[in-house]
Amino acid sequence: VALDGVGFDVSAGQICGLIGPNGAGKTTLFNCLSRLYRYER
């Protein structure tokens, strides 16, 4: 499970930092935003 029910909002004009140790799922989420990966739920 690379991402497990992750949810958050970012408002227009905000700078949002996404942090976590290696393997936390950060790049997976980026790849979902870029449509390189599909999310199943």
PDB file of all heavy atoms in Angstrom:
ATOM      1  N   VAL A   1       0.866  -1.190   0.000  1.00  0.00           N
ATOM      2  CA  VAL A   1       0.000   0.000   0.000  1.00  0.00           C
ATOM      3  C   VAL A   1       0.898   1.234   0.000  1.00  0.00           C
ATOM      4  O   VAL A   1       1.537   1.549   1.004  1.00  0.00           O
ATOM      5  CB  VAL A   1      -0.941   0.011   1.226  1.00  0.00           C
ATOM      6  CG1 VAL A   1      -1.847   1.238   1.178  1.00  0.00           C
ATOM      7  CG2 VAL A   1      -1.773  -1.262   1.278  1.00  0.00           C
ATOM      8  N   ALA A   2       0.961   1.922  -1.143  1.00  0.00           N
ATOM      9  CA  ALA A   2       1.828   3.100  -1.271  1.00  0.00           C
ATOM     10  C   ALA A   2       1.159   4.345  -0.709  1.00  0.00           C
ATOM     11  O   ALA A   2       1.815   5.205  -0.115  1.00  0.00           O
ATOM     12  CB  ALA A   2       2.200   3.308  -2.730  1.00  0.00           C
ATOM     13  N   LEU A   3      -0.160   4.461  -0.900  1.00  0.00           N
ATOM     14  CA  LEU A   3      -0.957   5.539  -0.306  1.00  0.00           C
ATOM     15  C   LEU A   3      -2.205   4.921   0.296  1.00  0.00           C
ATOM     16  O   LEU A   3      -2.884   4.125  -0.360  1.00  0.00           O
ATOM     17  CB  LEU A   3      -1.349   6.587  -1.362  1.00  0.00           C
ATOM     18  CG  LEU A   3      -0.245   7.477  -1.923  1.00  0.00           C
ATOM     19  CD1 LEU A   3      -0.777   8.341  -3.056  1.00  0.00           C
ATOM     20  CD2 LEU A   3       0.392   8.343  -0.844  1.00  0.00           C
ATOM     21  N   ASP A   4      -2.494   5.306   1.532  1.00  0.00           N
ATOM     22  CA  ASP A   4      -3.567   4.652   2.286  1.00  0.00           C
ATOM     23  C   ASP A   4      -4.590   5.688   2.744  1.00  0.00           C
ATOM     24  O   ASP A   4      -4.497   6.233   3.854  1.00  0.00           O
ATOM     25  CB  ASP A   4      -2.941   3.919   3.487  1.00  0.00           C
ATOM     26  CG  ASP A   4      -3.945   3.074   4.251  1.00  0.00           C
ATOM     27  OD1 ASP A   4      -5.106   2.982   3.801  1.00  0.00           O
ATOM     28  OD2 ASP A   4      -3.566   2.511   5.297  1.00  0.00           O
ATOM     29  N   GLY A   5      -5.547   6.028   1.854  1.00  0.00           N
ATOM     30  CA  GLY A   5      -6.615   6.957   2.221  1.00  0.00           C
ATOM     31  C   GLY A   5      -6.139   8.355   2.531  1.00  0.00           C
ATOM     32  O   GLY A   5      -6.617   8.997   3.473  1.00  0.00           O
ATOM     33  N   VAL A   6      -5.210   8.877   1.725  1.00  0.00           N
ATOM     34  CA  VAL A   6      -4.639  10.209   1.978  1.00  0.00           C
ATOM     35  C   VAL A   6      -5.599  11.295   1.498  1.00  0.00           C
ATOM     36  O   VAL A   6      -6.145  11.220   0.393  1.00  0.00           O
ATOM     37  CB  VAL A   6      -3.275  10.356   1.269  1.00  0.00           C
ATOM     38  CG1 VAL A   6      -2.784  11.813   1.326  1.00  0.00           C
ATOM     39  CG2 VAL A   6      -2.250   9.428   1.907  1.00  0.00           C
ATOM     40  N   GLY A   7      -5.793  12.304   2.333  1.00  0.00           N
ATOM     41  CA  GLY A   7      -6.640  13.427   1.961  1.00  0.00           C
ATOM     42  C   GLY A   7      -6.148  14.735   2.557  1.00  0.00           C
ATOM     43  O   GLY A   7      -5.733  14.777   3.712  1.00  0.00           O
ATOM     44  N   PHE A   8      -6.152  15.802   1.760  1.00  0.00           N
ATOM     45  CA  PHE A   8      -5.850  17.161   2.237  1.00  0.00           C
ATOM     46  C   PHE A   8      -6.251  18.148   1.147  1.00  0.00           C
ATOM     47  O   PHE A   8      -6.418  17.784  -0.015  1.00  0.00           O
ATOM     48  CB  PHE A   8      -4.370  17.330   2.612  1.00  0.00           C
ATOM     49  CG  PHE A   8      -3.396  17.118   1.478  1.00  0.00           C
ATOM     50  CD1 PHE A   8      -2.974  18.176   0.680  1.00  0.00           C
ATOM     51  CD2 PHE A   8      -2.894  15.849   1.215  1.00  0.00           C
ATOM     52  CE1 PHE A   8      -2.083  17.983  -0.369  1.00  0.00           C
ATOM     53  CE2 PHE A   8      -1.998  15.642   0.172  1.00  0.00           C
ATOM     54  CZ  PHE A   8      -1.587  16.700  -0.621  1.00  0.00           C
ATOM     55  N   ASP A   9      -6.415  19.413   1.532  1.00  0.00           N
ATOM     56  CA  ASP A   9      -6.780  20.487   0.596  1.00  0.00           C
ATOM     57  C   ASP A   9      -5.667  21.522   0.553  1.00  0.00           C
ATOM     58  O   ASP A   9      -4.995  21.767   1.570  1.00  0.00           O
ATOM     59  CB  ASP A   9      -8.067  21.189   1.040  1.00  0.00           C
ATOM     60  CG  ASP A   9      -9.293  20.289   0.928  1.00  0.00           C
ATOM     61  OD1 ASP A   9      -9.258  19.329   0.129  1.00  0.00           O
ATOM     62  OD2 ASP A   9     -10.288  20.547   1.647  1.00  0.00           O
ATOM     63  N   VAL A  10      -5.497  22.136  -0.609  1.00  0.00           N
ATOM     64  CA  VAL A  10      -4.553  23.249  -0.748  1.00  0.00           C
ATOM     65  C   VAL A  10      -5.310  24.410  -1.383  1.00  0.00           C
ATOM     66  O   VAL A  10      -5.898  24.270  -2.463  1.00  0.00           O
ATOM     67  CB  VAL A  10      -3.335  22.870  -1.620  1.00  0.00           C
ATOM     68  CG1 VAL A  10      -2.359  24.049  -1.692  1.00  0.00           C
ATOM     69  CG2 VAL A  10      -2.623  21.636  -1.070  1.00  0.00           C
ATOM     70  N   SER A  11      -5.307  25.556  -0.704  1.00  0.00           N
ATOM     71  CA  SER A  11      -6.001  26.747  -1.219  1.00  0.00           C
ATOM     72  C   SER A  11      -5.151  27.452  -2.264  1.00  0.00           C
ATOM     73  O   SER A  11      -3.919  27.360  -2.253  1.00  0.00           O
ATOM     74  CB  SER A  11      -6.294  27.720  -0.078  1.00  0.00           C
ATOM     75  OG  SER A  11      -7.129  27.108   0.887  1.00  0.00           O
ATOM     76  N   ALA A  12      -5.814  28.179  -3.156  1.00  0.00           N
ATOM     77  CA  ALA A  12      -5.116  28.958  -4.184  1.00  0.00           C
ATOM     78  C   ALA A  12      -4.155  29.944  -3.523  1.00  0.00           C
ATOM     79  O   ALA A  12      -4.485  30.579  -2.530  1.00  0.00           O
ATOM     80  CB  ALA A  12      -6.124  29.699  -5.058  1.00  0.00           C
ATOM     81  N   GLY A  13      -2.939  30.032  -4.072  1.00  0.00           N
ATOM     82  CA  GLY A  13      -1.945  30.972  -3.573  1.00  0.00           C
ATOM     83  C   GLY A  13      -1.100  30.462  -2.426  1.00  0.00           C
ATOM     84  O   GLY A  13      -0.187  31.154  -1.971  1.00  0.00           O
ATOM     85  N   GLN A  14      -1.383  29.242  -1.952  1.00  0.00           N
ATOM     86  CA  GLN A  14      -0.612  28.670  -0.846  1.00  0.00           C
ATOM     87  C   GLN A  14       0.645  27.962  -1.349  1.00  0.00           C
ATOM     88  O   GLN A  14       0.686  27.465  -2.473  1.00  0.00           O
ATOM     89  CB  GLN A  14      -1.454  27.642  -0.079  1.00  0.00           C
ATOM     90  CG  GLN A  14      -2.670  28.216   0.616  1.00  0.00           C
ATOM     91  CD  GLN A  14      -2.294  28.991   1.870  1.00  0.00           C
ATOM     92  OE1 GLN A  14      -2.156  30.207   1.814  1.00  0.00           O
ATOM     93  NE2 GLN A  14      -2.134  28.309   2.968  1.00  0.00           N
ATOM     94  N   ILE A  15       1.655  27.912  -0.503  1.00  0.00           N
ATOM     95  CA  ILE A  15       2.802  27.028  -0.709  1.00  0.00           C
ATOM     96  C   ILE A  15       2.647  25.911   0.308  1.00  0.00           C
ATOM     97  O   ILE A  15       2.641  26.156   1.521  1.00  0.00           O
ATOM     98  CB  ILE A  15       4.148  27.754  -0.504  1.00  0.00           C
ATOM     99  CG1 ILE A  15       4.297  28.900  -1.513  1.00  0.00           C
ATOM    100  CG2 ILE A  15       5.320  26.771  -0.633  1.00  0.00           C
ATOM    101  CD1 ILE A  15       5.529  29.767  -1.285  1.00  0.00           C
ATOM    102  N   CYS A  16       2.475  24.689  -0.191  1.00  0.00           N
ATOM    103  CA  CYS A  16       2.262  23.525   0.673  1.00  0.00           C
ATOM    104  C   CYS A  16       3.441  22.584   0.542  1.00  0.00           C
ATOM    105  O   CYS A  16       3.787  22.141  -0.557  1.00  0.00           O
ATOM    106  CB  CYS A  16       0.968  22.814   0.292  1.00  0.00           C
ATOM    107  SG  CYS A  16       0.650  21.317   1.273  1.00  0.00           S
ATOM    108  N   GLY A  17       4.082  22.261   1.662  1.00  0.00           N
ATOM    109  CA  GLY A  17       5.185  21.314   1.681  1.00  0.00           C
ATOM    110  C   GLY A  17       4.689  19.918   2.010  1.00  0.00           C
ATOM    111  O   GLY A  17       3.871  19.748   2.924  1.00  0.00           O
ATOM    112  N   LEU A  18       5.151  18.937   1.254  1.00  0.00           N
ATOM    113  CA  LEU A  18       4.789  17.534   1.475  1.00  0.00           C
ATOM    114  C   LEU A  18       6.032  16.819   1.970  1.00  0.00           C
ATOM    115  O   LEU A  18       7.035  16.735   1.251  1.00  0.00           O
ATOM    116  CB  LEU A  18       4.295  16.930   0.153  1.00  0.00           C
ATOM    117  CG  LEU A  18       3.622  15.572   0.168  1.00  0.00           C
ATOM    118  CD1 LEU A  18       2.380  15.566   1.056  1.00  0.00           C
ATOM    119  CD2 LEU A  18       3.249  15.161  -1.262  1.00  0.00           C
ATOM    120  N   ILE A  19       6.001  16.352   3.232  1.00  0.00           N
ATOM    121  CA  ILE A  19       7.200  15.779   3.838  1.00  0.00           C
ATOM    122  C   ILE A  19       6.934  14.345   4.294  1.00  0.00           C
ATOM    123  O   ILE A  19       5.793  13.901   4.380  1.00  0.00           O
ATOM    124  CB  ILE A  19       7.694  16.627   5.035  1.00  0.00           C
ATOM    125  CG1 ILE A  19       6.672  16.617   6.174  1.00  0.00           C
ATOM    126  CG2 ILE A  19       8.040  18.045   4.596  1.00  0.00           C
ATOM    127  CD1 ILE A  19       7.200  17.190   7.497  1.00  0.00           C
ATOM    128  N   GLY A  20       8.016  13.643   4.609  1.00  0.00           N
ATOM    129  CA  GLY A  20       7.930  12.277   5.111  1.00  0.00           C
ATOM    130  C   GLY A  20       9.217  11.546   4.803  1.00  0.00           C
ATOM    131  O   GLY A  20       9.940  11.903   3.870  1.00  0.00           O
ATOM    132  N   PRO A  21       9.522  10.499   5.576  1.00  0.00           N
ATOM    133  CA  PRO A  21      10.733   9.714   5.316  1.00  0.00           C
ATOM    134  C   PRO A  21      10.667   9.046   3.943  1.00  0.00           C
ATOM    135  O   PRO A  21       9.611   9.014   3.295  1.00  0.00           O
ATOM    136  CB  PRO A  21      10.714   8.655   6.430  1.00  0.00           C
ATOM    137  CG  PRO A  21       9.701   9.126   7.430  1.00  0.00           C
ATOM    138  CD  PRO A  21       8.741   9.981   6.698  1.00  0.00           C
ATOM    139  N   ASN A  22      11.793   8.483   3.485  1.00  0.00           N
ATOM    140  CA  ASN A  22      11.800   7.729   2.231  1.00  0.00           C
ATOM    141  C   ASN A  22      10.748   6.631   2.293  1.00  0.00           C
ATOM    142  O   ASN A  22      10.596   5.967   3.321  1.00  0.00           O
ATOM    143  CB  ASN A  22      13.183   7.100   1.993  1.00  0.00           C
ATOM    144  CG  ASN A  22      14.197   8.147   1.559  1.00  0.00           C
ATOM    145  OD1 ASN A  22      13.846   9.134   0.924  1.00  0.00           O
ATOM    146  ND2 ASN A  22      15.452   7.939   1.898  1.00  0.00           N
ATOM    147  N   GLY A  23      10.017   6.463   1.181  1.00  0.00           N
ATOM    148  CA  GLY A  23       8.992   5.425   1.133  1.00  0.00           C
ATOM    149  C   GLY A  23       7.666   5.824   1.752  1.00  0.00           C
ATOM    150  O   GLY A  23       6.766   5.003   1.881  1.00  0.00           O
ATOM    151  N   ALA A  24       7.525   7.108   2.122  1.00  0.00           N
ATOM    152  CA  ALA A  24       6.290   7.558   2.780  1.00  0.00           C
ATOM    153  C   ALA A  24       5.123   7.695   1.809  1.00  0.00           C
ATOM    154  O   ALA A  24       3.972   7.722   2.220  1.00  0.00           O
ATOM    155  CB  ALA A  24       6.536   8.897   3.484  1.00  0.00           C
ATOM    156  N   GLY A  25       5.423   7.828   0.498  1.00  0.00           N
ATOM    157  CA  GLY A  25       4.354   7.959  -0.501  1.00  0.00           C
ATOM    158  C   GLY A  25       4.308   9.304  -1.199  1.00  0.00           C
ATOM    159  O   GLY A  25       3.403   9.571  -1.987  1.00  0.00           O
ATOM    160  N   LYS A  26       5.311  10.156  -0.938  1.00  0.00           N
ATOM    161  CA  LYS A  26       5.296  11.517  -1.493  1.00  0.00           C
ATOM    162  C   LYS A  26       5.355  11.511  -3.029  1.00  0.00           C
ATOM    163  O   LYS A  26       4.552  12.158  -3.695  1.00  0.00           O
ATOM    164  CB  LYS A  26       6.474  12.327  -0.933  1.00  0.00           C
ATOM    165  CG  LYS A  26       6.548  12.369   0.581  1.00  0.00           C
ATOM    166  CD  LYS A  26       7.710  13.187   1.076  1.00  0.00           C
ATOM    167  CE  LYS A  26       9.072  12.696   0.641  1.00  0.00           C
ATOM    168  NZ  LYS A  26       9.428  11.362   1.193  1.00  0.00           N
ATOM    169  N   THR A  27       6.324  10.780  -3.567  1.00  0.00           N
ATOM    170  CA  THR A  27       6.473  10.745  -5.028  1.00  0.00           C
ATOM    171  C   THR A  27       5.300  10.023  -5.679  1.00  0.00           C
ATOM    172  O   THR A  27       4.856  10.394  -6.773  1.00  0.00           O
ATOM    173  CB  THR A  27       7.813  10.099  -5.418  1.00  0.00           C
ATOM    174  OG1 THR A  27       8.883  10.883  -4.858  1.00  0.00           O
ATOM    175  CG2 THR A  27       7.999  10.049  -6.919  1.00  0.00           C
ATOM    176  N   THR A  28       4.764   9.011  -5.006  1.00  0.00           N
ATOM    177  CA  THR A  28       3.572   8.318  -5.521  1.00  0.00           C
ATOM    178  C   THR A  28       2.425   9.309  -5.691  1.00  0.00           C
ATOM    179  O   THR A  28       1.721   9.307  -6.712  1.00  0.00           O
ATOM    180  CB  THR A  28       3.149   7.171  -4.587  1.00  0.00           C
ATOM    181  OG1 THR A  28       4.207   6.222  -4.505  1.00  0.00           O
ATOM    182  CG2 THR A  28       1.893   6.478  -5.077  1.00  0.00           C
ATOM    183  N   LEU A  29       2.244  10.167  -4.697  1.00  0.00           N
ATOM    184  CA  LEU A  29       1.171  11.160  -4.781  1.00  0.00           C
ATOM    185  C   LEU A  29       1.423  12.133  -5.932  1.00  0.00           C
ATOM    186  O   LEU A  29       0.500  12.465  -6.692  1.00  0.00           O
ATOM    187  CB  LEU A  29       1.044  11.916  -3.455  1.00  0.00           C
ATOM    188  CG  LEU A  29      -0.081  12.946  -3.391  1.00  0.00           C
ATOM    189  CD1 LEU A  29      -1.437  12.312  -3.670  1.00  0.00           C
ATOM    190  CD2 LEU A  29      -0.104  13.644  -2.044  1.00  0.00           C
ATOM    191  N   PHE A  30       2.664  12.588  -6.087  1.00  0.00           N
ATOM    192  CA  PHE A  30       3.009  13.466  -7.214  1.00  0.00           C
ATOM    193  C   PHE A  30       2.689  12.792  -8.543  1.00  0.00           C
ATOM    194  O   PHE A  30       2.174  13.410  -9.464  1.00  0.00           O
ATOM    195  CB  PHE A  30       4.501  13.825  -7.153  1.00  0.00           C
ATOM    196  CG  PHE A  30       4.763  15.218  -6.644  1.00  0.00           C
ATOM    197  CD1 PHE A  30       4.006  15.750  -5.629  1.00  0.00           C
ATOM    198  CD2 PHE A  30       5.771  15.997  -7.187  1.00  0.00           C
ATOM    199  CE1 PHE A  30       4.246  17.029  -5.143  1.00  0.00           C
ATOM    200  CE2 PHE A  30       6.021  17.271  -6.728  1.00  0.00           C
ATOM    201  CZ  PHE A  30       5.260  17.789  -5.707  1.00  0.00           C
ATOM    202  N   ASN A  31       3.008  11.495  -8.626  1.00  0.00           N
ATOM    203  CA  ASN A  31       2.766  10.764  -9.872  1.00  0.00           C
ATOM    204  C   ASN A  31       1.271  10.571 -10.127  1.00  0.00           C
ATOM    205  O   ASN A  31       0.842  10.468 -11.276  1.00  0.00           O
ATOM    206  CB  ASN A  31       3.499   9.422  -9.860  1.00  0.00           C
ATOM    207  CG  ASN A  31       4.999   9.594 -10.065  1.00  0.00           C
ATOM    208  OD1 ASN A  31       5.439  10.606 -10.612  1.00  0.00           O
ATOM    209  ND2 ASN A  31       5.779   8.626  -9.644  1.00  0.00           N
ATOM    210  N   CYS A  32       0.468  10.538  -9.072  1.00  0.00           N
ATOM    211  CA  CYS A  32      -0.992  10.513  -9.244  1.00  0.00           C
ATOM    212  C   CYS A  32      -1.491  11.863  -9.765  1.00  0.00           C
ATOM    213  O   CYS A  32      -2.353  11.921 -10.645  1.00  0.00           O
ATOM    214  CB  CYS A  32      -1.688  10.190  -7.917  1.00  0.00           C
ATOM    215  SG  CYS A  32      -1.517   8.482  -7.386  1.00  0.00           S
ATOM    216  N   LEU A  33      -0.934  12.946  -9.236  1.00  0.00           N
ATOM    217  CA  LEU A  33      -1.310  14.286  -9.693  1.00  0.00           C
ATOM    218  C   LEU A  33      -0.935  14.500 -11.153  1.00  0.00           C
ATOM    219  O   LEU A  33      -1.625  15.215 -11.884  1.00  0.00           O
ATOM    220  CB  LEU A  33      -0.625  15.349  -8.826  1.00  0.00           C
ATOM    221  CG  LEU A  33      -1.224  15.578  -7.443  1.00  0.00           C
ATOM    222  CD1 LEU A  33      -0.234  16.249  -6.526  1.00  0.00           C
ATOM    223  CD2 LEU A  33      -2.486  16.412  -7.557  1.00  0.00           C
ATOM    224  N   SER A  34       0.173  13.888 -11.589  1.00  0.00           N
ATOM    225  CA  SER A  34       0.626  14.009 -12.975  1.00  0.00           C
ATOM    226  C   SER A  34      -0.028  12.979 -13.886  1.00  0.00           C
ATOM    227  O   SER A  34       0.266  12.942 -15.075  1.00  0.00           O
ATOM    228  CB  SER A  34       2.153  13.832 -13.050  1.00  0.00           C
ATOM    229  OG  SER A  34       2.810  14.714 -12.187  1.00  0.00           O
ATOM    230  N   ARG A  35      -0.845  12.095 -13.300  1.00  0.00           N
ATOM    231  CA  ARG A  35      -1.534  11.021 -14.018  1.00  0.00           C
ATOM    232  C   ARG A  35      -0.576   9.955 -14.541  1.00  0.00           C
ATOM    233  O   ARG A  35      -0.895   9.202 -15.459  1.00  0.00           O
ATOM    234  CB  ARG A  35      -2.389  11.571 -15.172  1.00  0.00           C
ATOM    235  CG  ARG A  35      -3.513  12.491 -14.742  1.00  0.00           C
ATOM    236  CD  ARG A  35      -4.611  11.764 -13.963  1.00  0.00           C
ATOM    237  NE  ARG A  35      -5.339  10.835 -14.816  1.00  0.00           N
ATOM    238  CZ  ARG A  35      -5.628   9.568 -14.485  1.00  0.00           C
ATOM    239  NH1 ARG A  35      -5.238   9.070 -13.337  1.00  0.00           N
ATOM    240  NH2 ARG A  35      -6.293   8.808 -15.308  1.00  0.00           N
ATOM    241  N   LEU A  36       0.642   9.876 -13.950  1.00  0.00           N
ATOM    242  CA  LEU A  36       1.566   8.788 -14.298  1.00  0.00           C
ATOM    243  C   LEU A  36       1.127   7.503 -13.610  1.00  0.00           C
ATOM    244  O   LEU A  36       1.385   6.405 -14.097  1.00  0.00           O
ATOM    245  CB  LEU A  36       2.999   9.155 -13.875  1.00  0.00           C
ATOM    246  CG  LEU A  36       3.594  10.393 -14.563  1.00  0.00           C
ATOM    247  CD1 LEU A  36       4.947  10.738 -13.955  1.00  0.00           C
ATOM    248  CD2 LEU A  36       3.716  10.174 -16.065  1.00  0.00           C
ATOM    249  N   TYR A  37       0.484   7.636 -12.434  1.00  0.00           N
ATOM    250  CA  TYR A  37      -0.092   6.494 -11.717  1.00  0.00           C
ATOM    251  C   TYR A  37      -1.600   6.687 -11.605  1.00  0.00           C
ATOM    252  O   TYR A  37      -2.084   7.813 -11.521  1.00  0.00           O
ATOM    253  CB  TYR A  37       0.462   6.384 -10.288  1.00  0.00           C
ATOM    254  CG  TYR A  37       1.920   6.039 -10.150  1.00  0.00           C
ATOM    255  CD1 TYR A  37       2.546   6.173  -8.904  1.00  0.00           C
ATOM    256  CD2 TYR A  37       2.685   5.577 -11.216  1.00  0.00           C
ATOM    257  CE1 TYR A  37       3.888   5.867  -8.734  1.00  0.00           C
ATOM    258  CE2 TYR A  37       4.019   5.275 -11.051  1.00  0.00           C
ATOM    259  CZ  TYR A  37       4.630   5.418  -9.813  1.00  0.00           C
ATOM    260  OH  TYR A  37       5.951   5.117  -9.642  1.00  0.00           O
ATOM    261  N   ARG A  38      -2.319   5.566 -11.563  1.00  0.00           N
ATOM    262  CA  ARG A  38      -3.755   5.600 -11.294  1.00  0.00           C
ATOM    263  C   ARG A  38      -3.994   5.351  -9.804  1.00  0.00           C
ATOM    264  O   ARG A  38      -3.271   4.559  -9.199  1.00  0.00           O
ATOM    265  CB  ARG A  38      -4.474   4.489 -12.081  1.00  0.00           C
ATOM    266  CG  ARG A  38      -4.501   4.697 -13.584  1.00  0.00           C
ATOM    267  CD  ARG A  38      -5.140   3.477 -14.249  1.00  0.00           C
ATOM    268  NE  ARG A  38      -5.122   3.597 -15.692  1.00  0.00           N
ATOM    269  CZ  ARG A  38      -6.063   4.208 -16.404  1.00  0.00           C
ATOM    270  NH1 ARG A  38      -7.121   4.714 -15.780  1.00  0.00           N
ATOM    271  NH2 ARG A  38      -5.986   4.290 -17.711  1.00  0.00           N
ATOM    272  N   TYR A  39      -4.976   6.011  -9.264  1.00  0.00           N
ATOM    273  CA  TYR A  39      -5.384   5.691  -7.889  1.00  0.00           C
ATOM    274  C   TYR A  39      -6.603   4.803  -7.958  1.00  0.00           C
ATOM    275  O   TYR A  39      -7.458   4.967  -8.823  1.00  0.00           O
ATOM    276  CB  TYR A  39      -5.643   6.951  -7.048  1.00  0.00           C
ATOM    277  CG  TYR A  39      -6.346   8.080  -7.753  1.00  0.00           C
ATOM    278  CD1 TYR A  39      -7.737   8.155  -7.774  1.00  0.00           C
ATOM    279  CD2 TYR A  39      -5.625   9.084  -8.394  1.00  0.00           C
ATOM    280  CE1 TYR A  39      -8.389   9.202  -8.400  1.00  0.00           C
ATOM    281  CE2 TYR A  39      -6.276  10.138  -9.037  1.00  0.00           C
ATOM    282  CZ  TYR A  39      -7.648  10.194  -9.038  1.00  0.00           C
ATOM    283  OH  TYR A  39      -8.289  11.217  -9.658  1.00  0.00           O
ATOM    284  N   GLU A  40      -6.661   3.802  -7.054  1.00  0.00           N
ATOM    285  CA  GLU A  40      -7.762   2.833  -7.135  1.00  0.00           C
ATOM    286  C   GLU A  40      -8.947   3.219  -6.275  1.00  0.00           C
ATOM    287  O   GLU A  40     -10.043   2.673  -6.433  1.00  0.00           O
ATOM    288  CB  GLU A  40      -7.272   1.437  -6.772  1.00  0.00           C
ATOM    289  CG  GLU A  40      -6.670   1.303  -5.393  1.00  0.00           C
ATOM    290  CD  GLU A  40      -6.008  -0.053  -5.229  1.00  0.00           C
ATOM    291  OE1 GLU A  40      -4.999  -0.315  -5.901  1.00  0.00           O
ATOM    292  OE2 GLU A  40      -6.523  -0.835  -4.419  1.00  0.00           O
ATOM    293  N   ARG A  41      -8.722   4.145  -5.333  1.00  0.00           N
ATOM    294  CA  ARG A  41      -9.829   4.621  -4.518  1.00  0.00           C
ATOM    295  C   ARG A  41      -9.645   6.098  -4.259  1.00  0.00           C
ATOM    296  O   ARG A  41      -8.522   6.613  -4.272  1.00  0.00           O
ATOM    297  CB  ARG A  41      -9.869   3.856  -3.179  1.00  0.00           C
ATOM    298  CG  ARG A  41     -11.216   4.015  -2.452  1.00  0.00           C
ATOM    299  CD  ARG A  41     -11.239   3.284  -1.127  1.00  0.00           C
ATOM    300  NE  ARG A  41     -10.574   4.071  -0.088  1.00  0.00           N
ATOM    301  CZ  ARG A  41      -9.885   3.547   0.922  1.00  0.00           C
ATOM    302  NH1 ARG A  41      -9.741   2.244   1.012  1.00  0.00           N
ATOM    303  NH2 ARG A  41      -9.323   4.326   1.824  1.00  0.00           N
TER     304      ARG A  41
END
